[in-house]
Amino acid sequence: MTVNFQYVNTDVSDTLSEFATEKLEKLANKFEFIISAQVYIKHDDKDYQAGKICNIELSLPGPRIFATSNEKNYELAVNQTISDLTRQLKKRKETFKTH
C-alpha cells in the first residue's frame, strides 16, 4: 500500500509520518483491498481548543473512503481518523461477497 503525506500550515514530522504509516499498515493487513492512502496533516490557527487536523482518504475498489478529525494533538487526530475509517471499512467489507 502506498501512503502519501501532505503537511499544510505545519512542519513536516517524520515521527508523525511513521506513526500514521504504522497505523495504516495495520489497517491494510486487516482489509487487504486497500490500494493507497492520502494523509493530510493540517494546523488551524483559528481553533484554539483543537486545531490539529488529520484527513485521510483511502483508495480502494469502488468509491473512495474519507475521514477527518480535529483534536488537540496530531496523534489523537490520527487515531480518531483511523477508527472512523475502520468503521467505514467494516461496512464496506460486508457488501463484498465471496463467490
N, C-alpha and C. Protein backbone atom coordinates (compact mmCIF):
# COMPACT_ATOMS: atom_id res chain seq x y z
N MET A 1 0.84 -1.17 0.00
CA MET A 1 0.00 0.00 0.00
C MET A 1 0.89 1.25 0.00
N THR A 2 0.52 2.20 -0.82
CA THR A 2 1.25 3.46 -0.93
C THR A 2 0.61 4.49 0.01
N VAL A 3 1.45 5.19 0.77
CA VAL A 3 0.96 6.23 1.67
C VAL A 3 1.65 7.54 1.29
N ASN A 4 0.85 8.56 0.96
CA ASN A 4 1.38 9.88 0.61
C ASN A 4 0.97 10.87 1.69
N PHE A 5 1.92 11.73 2.10
CA PHE A 5 1.66 12.72 3.14
C PHE A 5 1.73 14.12 2.57
N GLN A 6 0.85 14.98 3.07
CA GLN A 6 0.92 16.41 2.77
C GLN A 6 0.72 17.15 4.08
N TYR A 7 1.65 18.07 4.36
CA TYR A 7 1.57 18.89 5.56
C TYR A 7 1.18 20.30 5.16
N VAL A 8 0.09 20.82 5.75
CA VAL A 8 -0.43 22.14 5.41
C VAL A 8 -0.35 23.01 6.67
N ASN A 9 0.30 24.15 6.56
CA ASN A 9 0.45 25.12 7.67
C ASN A 9 1.14 24.52 8.90
N THR A 10 1.97 23.52 8.70
CA THR A 10 2.72 22.92 9.80
C THR A 10 4.01 22.33 9.26
N ASP A 11 4.94 22.07 10.15
CA ASP A 11 6.23 21.50 9.74
C ASP A 11 6.09 20.00 9.48
N VAL A 12 6.93 19.50 8.59
CA VAL A 12 6.95 18.07 8.29
C VAL A 12 7.53 17.33 9.48
N SER A 13 6.86 16.27 9.89
CA SER A 13 7.30 15.48 11.03
C SER A 13 7.47 14.02 10.62
N ASP A 14 8.72 13.56 10.66
CA ASP A 14 8.99 12.15 10.33
C ASP A 14 8.37 11.22 11.36
N THR A 15 8.38 11.63 12.62
CA THR A 15 7.80 10.80 13.68
C THR A 15 6.31 10.62 13.47
N LEU A 16 5.62 11.70 13.14
CA LEU A 16 4.18 11.61 12.89
C LEU A 16 3.89 10.79 11.64
N SER A 17 4.72 10.94 10.62
CA SER A 17 4.56 10.15 9.40
C SER A 17 4.72 8.66 9.68
N GLU A 18 5.72 8.30 10.48
CA GLU A 18 5.94 6.90 10.84
C GLU A 18 4.77 6.37 11.66
N PHE A 19 4.28 7.18 12.60
CA PHE A 19 3.14 6.79 13.44
C PHE A 19 1.91 6.49 12.59
N ALA A 20 1.60 7.41 11.66
CA ALA A 20 0.42 7.25 10.80
C ALA A 20 0.61 6.07 9.85
N THR A 21 1.82 5.90 9.30
CA THR A 21 2.09 4.79 8.39
C THR A 21 1.92 3.46 9.10
N GLU A 22 2.39 3.37 10.34
CA GLU A 22 2.26 2.14 11.12
C GLU A 22 0.78 1.79 11.33
N LYS A 23 -0.02 2.79 11.68
CA LYS A 23 -1.46 2.57 11.88
C LYS A 23 -2.14 2.14 10.58
N LEU A 24 -1.75 2.79 9.47
CA LEU A 24 -2.36 2.45 8.18
C LEU A 24 -1.94 1.07 7.70
N GLU A 25 -0.70 0.65 8.01
CA GLU A 25 -0.25 -0.69 7.63
C GLU A 25 -1.07 -1.75 8.36
N LYS A 26 -1.36 -1.51 9.64
CA LYS A 26 -2.21 -2.45 10.38
C LYS A 26 -3.59 -2.53 9.75
N LEU A 27 -4.10 -1.38 9.33
CA LEU A 27 -5.41 -1.33 8.67
C LEU A 27 -5.37 -2.09 7.34
N ALA A 28 -4.27 -1.93 6.60
CA ALA A 28 -4.12 -2.61 5.30
C ALA A 28 -4.00 -4.12 5.48
N ASN A 29 -3.39 -4.57 6.57
CA ASN A 29 -3.30 -6.01 6.83
C ASN A 29 -4.67 -6.59 7.15
N LYS A 30 -5.50 -5.81 7.79
CA LYS A 30 -6.84 -6.27 8.16
C LYS A 30 -7.79 -6.23 6.96
N PHE A 31 -7.67 -5.18 6.15
CA PHE A 31 -8.52 -5.00 4.97
C PHE A 31 -7.60 -4.97 3.75
N GLU A 32 -7.41 -6.13 3.14
CA GLU A 32 -6.40 -6.27 2.08
C GLU A 32 -6.77 -5.61 0.76
N PHE A 33 -7.98 -5.08 0.64
CA PHE A 33 -8.40 -4.45 -0.62
C PHE A 33 -8.02 -2.97 -0.70
N ILE A 34 -7.34 -2.43 0.32
CA ILE A 34 -6.91 -1.02 0.30
C ILE A 34 -5.74 -0.88 -0.66
N ILE A 35 -5.83 0.12 -1.57
CA ILE A 35 -4.79 0.33 -2.57
C ILE A 35 -3.78 1.37 -2.11
N SER A 36 -4.27 2.55 -1.70
CA SER A 36 -3.36 3.60 -1.27
C SER A 36 -4.07 4.54 -0.30
N ALA A 37 -3.27 5.41 0.33
CA ALA A 37 -3.82 6.37 1.29
C ALA A 37 -3.18 7.74 1.07
N GLN A 38 -4.01 8.77 1.15
CA GLN A 38 -3.56 10.16 1.13
C GLN A 38 -3.79 10.72 2.53
N VAL A 39 -2.73 11.18 3.17
CA VAL A 39 -2.84 11.71 4.52
C VAL A 39 -2.53 13.21 4.48
N TYR A 40 -3.46 14.01 4.98
CA TYR A 40 -3.28 15.47 5.04
C TYR A 40 -3.23 15.87 6.51
N ILE A 41 -2.11 16.43 6.92
CA ILE A 41 -1.94 16.93 8.28
C ILE A 41 -2.01 18.45 8.20
N LYS A 42 -2.96 19.04 8.94
CA LYS A 42 -3.17 20.49 8.85
C LYS A 42 -3.17 21.11 10.24
N HIS A 43 -2.86 22.39 10.28
CA HIS A 43 -2.94 23.16 11.52
C HIS A 43 -3.85 24.35 11.29
N ASP A 44 -4.85 24.52 12.17
CA ASP A 44 -5.79 25.62 12.07
C ASP A 44 -5.49 26.61 13.19
N ASP A 45 -4.95 27.77 12.84
CA ASP A 45 -4.60 28.78 13.84
C ASP A 45 -5.82 29.36 14.54
N LYS A 46 -6.97 29.34 13.90
CA LYS A 46 -8.17 29.97 14.46
C LYS A 46 -8.83 29.13 15.55
N ASP A 47 -8.55 27.83 15.56
CA ASP A 47 -9.15 26.93 16.55
C ASP A 47 -8.19 26.77 17.72
N TYR A 48 -8.48 27.45 18.83
CA TYR A 48 -7.57 27.42 19.98
C TYR A 48 -7.73 26.17 20.82
N GLN A 49 -8.91 25.55 20.81
CA GLN A 49 -9.15 24.35 21.61
C GLN A 49 -8.50 23.12 20.99
N ALA A 50 -8.59 23.01 19.67
CA ALA A 50 -8.05 21.82 19.00
C ALA A 50 -7.07 22.31 17.92
N GLY A 51 -7.50 22.35 16.68
CA GLY A 51 -6.69 22.92 15.61
C GLY A 51 -5.72 21.98 14.95
N LYS A 52 -5.58 20.75 15.44
CA LYS A 52 -4.70 19.76 14.81
C LYS A 52 -5.59 18.82 14.01
N ILE A 53 -5.53 18.94 12.69
CA ILE A 53 -6.47 18.24 11.81
C ILE A 53 -5.75 17.14 11.03
N CYS A 54 -6.40 15.99 10.96
CA CYS A 54 -5.89 14.87 10.16
C CYS A 54 -7.00 14.42 9.22
N ASN A 55 -6.72 14.48 7.91
CA ASN A 55 -7.64 13.96 6.90
C ASN A 55 -6.97 12.78 6.23
N ILE A 56 -7.69 11.69 6.09
CA ILE A 56 -7.16 10.51 5.39
C ILE A 56 -8.18 10.07 4.36
N GLU A 57 -7.70 9.86 3.14
CA GLU A 57 -8.54 9.37 2.05
C GLU A 57 -7.94 8.05 1.57
N LEU A 58 -8.75 7.01 1.57
CA LEU A 58 -8.29 5.68 1.14
C LEU A 58 -8.82 5.36 -0.25
N SER A 59 -7.93 4.87 -1.10
CA SER A 59 -8.33 4.38 -2.42
C SER A 59 -8.52 2.88 -2.33
N LEU A 60 -9.65 2.42 -2.82
CA LEU A 60 -9.96 1.00 -2.84
C LEU A 60 -11.00 0.77 -3.92
N PRO A 61 -11.30 -0.48 -4.25
CA PRO A 61 -12.31 -0.73 -5.28
C PRO A 61 -13.64 -0.08 -4.89
N GLY A 62 -14.23 0.62 -5.85
CA GLY A 62 -15.47 1.34 -5.57
C GLY A 62 -15.16 2.76 -5.15
N PRO A 63 -16.11 3.43 -4.52
CA PRO A 63 -15.87 4.81 -4.09
C PRO A 63 -14.79 4.90 -3.02
N ARG A 64 -14.10 6.03 -3.01
CA ARG A 64 -13.07 6.24 -2.00
C ARG A 64 -13.71 6.46 -0.64
N ILE A 65 -12.93 6.20 0.40
CA ILE A 65 -13.39 6.40 1.77
C ILE A 65 -12.58 7.55 2.36
N PHE A 66 -13.27 8.46 3.05
CA PHE A 66 -12.63 9.64 3.60
C PHE A 66 -13.05 9.84 5.05
N ALA A 67 -12.09 10.24 5.90
CA ALA A 67 -12.41 10.58 7.28
C ALA A 67 -11.52 11.73 7.72
N THR A 68 -12.03 12.52 8.64
CA THR A 68 -11.27 13.65 9.17
C THR A 68 -11.55 13.79 10.65
N SER A 69 -10.59 14.38 11.37
CA SER A 69 -10.80 14.67 12.79
C SER A 69 -9.98 15.89 13.17
N ASN A 70 -10.46 16.59 14.19
CA ASN A 70 -9.84 17.81 14.68
C ASN A 70 -9.66 17.64 16.18
N GLU A 71 -8.42 17.49 16.63
CA GLU A 71 -8.14 17.21 18.03
C GLU A 71 -7.10 18.18 18.58
N LYS A 72 -6.74 18.00 19.86
CA LYS A 72 -5.77 18.91 20.47
C LYS A 72 -4.32 18.54 20.16
N ASN A 73 -4.06 17.29 19.71
CA ASN A 73 -2.73 16.95 19.19
C ASN A 73 -2.87 16.00 18.02
N TYR A 74 -1.80 15.90 17.24
CA TYR A 74 -1.86 15.15 15.99
C TYR A 74 -2.05 13.65 16.19
N GLU A 75 -1.47 13.08 17.24
CA GLU A 75 -1.60 11.64 17.46
C GLU A 75 -3.07 11.28 17.73
N LEU A 76 -3.74 12.10 18.54
CA LEU A 76 -5.17 11.85 18.79
C LEU A 76 -5.98 11.99 17.50
N ALA A 77 -5.63 12.97 16.68
CA ALA A 77 -6.33 13.18 15.42
C ALA A 77 -6.16 11.98 14.50
N VAL A 78 -4.92 11.45 14.41
CA VAL A 78 -4.67 10.27 13.57
C VAL A 78 -5.45 9.07 14.10
N ASN A 79 -5.42 8.84 15.40
CA ASN A 79 -6.14 7.70 15.99
C ASN A 79 -7.64 7.80 15.74
N GLN A 80 -8.21 8.98 15.91
CA GLN A 80 -9.65 9.17 15.70
C GLN A 80 -10.02 8.94 14.23
N THR A 81 -9.18 9.45 13.32
CA THR A 81 -9.45 9.28 11.90
C THR A 81 -9.36 7.80 11.51
N ILE A 82 -8.36 7.09 12.03
CA ILE A 82 -8.21 5.66 11.74
C ILE A 82 -9.42 4.88 12.25
N SER A 83 -9.91 5.22 13.44
CA SER A 83 -11.07 4.48 13.97
C SER A 83 -12.32 4.76 13.12
N ASP A 84 -12.47 5.99 12.63
CA ASP A 84 -13.58 6.29 11.72
C ASP A 84 -13.45 5.49 10.42
N LEU A 85 -12.25 5.41 9.90
CA LEU A 85 -12.02 4.64 8.67
C LEU A 85 -12.29 3.15 8.89
N THR A 86 -11.90 2.64 10.04
CA THR A 86 -12.12 1.22 10.35
C THR A 86 -13.61 0.91 10.34
N ARG A 87 -14.40 1.78 10.92
CA ARG A 87 -15.85 1.59 10.95
C ARG A 87 -16.42 1.58 9.52
N GLN A 88 -15.94 2.50 8.68
CA GLN A 88 -16.41 2.56 7.29
C GLN A 88 -15.96 1.32 6.50
N LEU A 89 -14.73 0.87 6.75
CA LEU A 89 -14.21 -0.29 6.03
C LEU A 89 -14.97 -1.57 6.41
N LYS A 90 -15.37 -1.68 7.68
CA LYS A 90 -16.15 -2.85 8.08
C LYS A 90 -17.48 -2.89 7.34
N LYS A 91 -18.12 -1.73 7.19
CA LYS A 91 -19.37 -1.67 6.44
C LYS A 91 -19.14 -2.03 4.98
N ARG A 92 -18.04 -1.53 4.41
CA ARG A 92 -17.73 -1.81 3.00
C ARG A 92 -17.45 -3.29 2.80
N LYS A 93 -16.71 -3.91 3.75
CA LYS A 93 -16.37 -5.32 3.62
C LYS A 93 -17.62 -6.20 3.64
N GLU A 94 -18.63 -5.78 4.40
CA GLU A 94 -19.87 -6.55 4.45
C GLU A 94 -20.58 -6.59 3.10
N THR A 95 -20.39 -5.55 2.28
CA THR A 95 -21.04 -5.53 0.98
C THR A 95 -20.35 -6.42 -0.05
N PHE A 96 -19.04 -6.69 0.20
CA PHE A 96 -18.32 -7.58 -0.72
C PHE A 96 -18.81 -9.01 -0.50
N LYS A 97 -19.03 -9.73 -1.57
CA LYS A 97 -19.47 -11.12 -1.46
C LYS A 97 -18.42 -12.02 -2.06
N THR A 98 -18.14 -13.13 -1.40
CA THR A 98 -17.20 -14.10 -1.96
C THR A 98 -17.98 -15.11 -2.79
N HIS A 99 -17.46 -15.39 -3.97
CA HIS A 99 -18.15 -16.33 -4.87
C HIS A 99 -17.40 -17.63 -4.93
